Amino acid sequence: MGFSLLHIILRALWIST
């Protein structure tokens, strides 16, 4: 389930770009 958290963080970073 750790991968899910990483995906959310990555997605948030991409949106923040």
PDB file of N, CA and C in Angstrom:
ATOM      1  N   MET A   1       0.842  -1.199   0.000  1.00  0.00           N
ATOM      2  CA  MET A   1       0.000   0.000   0.000  1.00  0.00           C
ATOM      3  C   MET A   1       0.886   1.262   0.000  1.00  0.00           C
ATOM      4  N   GLY A   2       2.162   1.058   0.289  1.00  0.00           N
ATOM      5  CA  GLY A   2       3.079   2.202   0.297  1.00  0.00           C
ATOM      6  C   GLY A   2       3.180   2.847  -1.071  1.00  0.00           C
ATOM      7  N   PHE A   3       3.068   2.001  -2.109  1.00  0.00           N
ATOM      8  CA  PHE A   3       3.175   2.521  -3.480  1.00  0.00           C
ATOM      9  C   PHE A   3       2.066   3.524  -3.764  1.00  0.00           C
ATOM     10  N   SER A   4       0.899   3.271  -3.201  1.00  0.00           N
ATOM     11  CA  SER A   4      -0.259   4.160  -3.426  1.00  0.00           C
ATOM     12  C   SER A   4       0.065   5.567  -2.923  1.00  0.00           C
ATOM     13  N   LEU A   5       0.657   5.630  -1.742  1.00  0.00           N
ATOM     14  CA  LEU A   5       0.998   6.929  -1.159  1.00  0.00           C
ATOM     15  C   LEU A   5       1.983   7.661  -2.049  1.00  0.00           C
ATOM     16  N   LEU A   6       2.980   6.920  -2.559  1.00  0.00           N
ATOM     17  CA  LEU A   6       3.985   7.518  -3.432  1.00  0.00           C
ATOM     18  C   LEU A   6       3.328   8.080  -4.681  1.00  0.00           C
ATOM     19  N   HIS A   7       2.373   7.333  -5.208  1.00  0.00           N
ATOM     20  CA  HIS A   7       1.673   7.765  -6.419  1.00  0.00           C
ATOM     21  C   HIS A   7       0.918   9.064  -6.181  1.00  0.00           C
ATOM     22  N   ILE A   8       0.278   9.162  -5.020  1.00  0.00           N
ATOM     23  CA  ILE A   8      -0.484  10.370  -4.676  1.00  0.00           C
ATOM     24  C   ILE A   8       0.465  11.566  -4.574  1.00  0.00           C
ATOM     25  N   ILE A   9       1.616  11.348  -3.940  1.00  0.00           N
ATOM     26  CA  ILE A   9       2.593  12.433  -3.777  1.00  0.00           C
ATOM     27  C   ILE A   9       3.099  12.879  -5.141  1.00  0.00           C
ATOM     28  N   LEU A  10       3.419  11.910  -5.988  1.00  0.00           N
ATOM     29  CA  LEU A  10       3.918  12.227  -7.331  1.00  0.00           C
ATOM     30  C   LEU A  10       2.871  13.003  -8.112  1.00  0.00           C
ATOM     31  N   ARG A  11       1.639  12.568  -7.999  1.00  0.00           N
ATOM     32  CA  ARG A  11       0.534  13.217  -8.716  1.00  0.00           C
ATOM     33  C   ARG A  11       0.398  14.663  -8.221  1.00  0.00           C
ATOM     34  N   ALA A  12       0.451  14.856  -6.910  1.00  0.00           N
ATOM     35  CA  ALA A  12       0.328  16.197  -6.332  1.00  0.00           C
ATOM     36  C   ALA A  12       1.469  17.090  -6.827  1.00  0.00           C
ATOM     37  N   LEU A  13       2.666  16.519  -6.915  1.00  0.00           N
ATOM     38  CA  LEU A  13       3.819  17.293  -7.386  1.00  0.00           C
ATOM     39  C   LEU A  13       3.614  17.709  -8.831  1.00  0.00           C
ATOM     40  N   TRP A  14       3.135  16.772  -9.647  1.00  0.00           N
ATOM     41  CA  TRP A  14       2.911  17.063 -11.065  1.00  0.00           C
ATOM     42  C   TRP A  14       1.874  18.170 -11.227  1.00  0.00           C
ATOM     43  N   ILE A  15       0.829  18.122 -10.411  1.00  0.00           N
ATOM     44  CA  ILE A  15      -0.231  19.127 -10.489  1.00  0.00           C
ATOM     45  C   ILE A  15       0.318  20.486 -10.024  1.00  0.00           C
ATOM     46  N   SER A  16       1.237  20.436  -9.069  1.00  0.00           N
ATOM     47  CA  SER A  16       1.810  21.673  -8.528  1.00  0.00           C
ATOM     48  C   SER A  16       2.710  22.347  -9.568  1.00  0.00           C
ATOM     49  N   THR A  17       3.242  21.582 -10.492  1.00  0.00           N
ATOM     50  CA  THR A  17       4.163  22.122 -11.508  1.00  0.00           C
ATOM     51  C   THR A  17       3.539  23.317 -12.211  1.00  0.00           C
TER      52      THR A  17
END
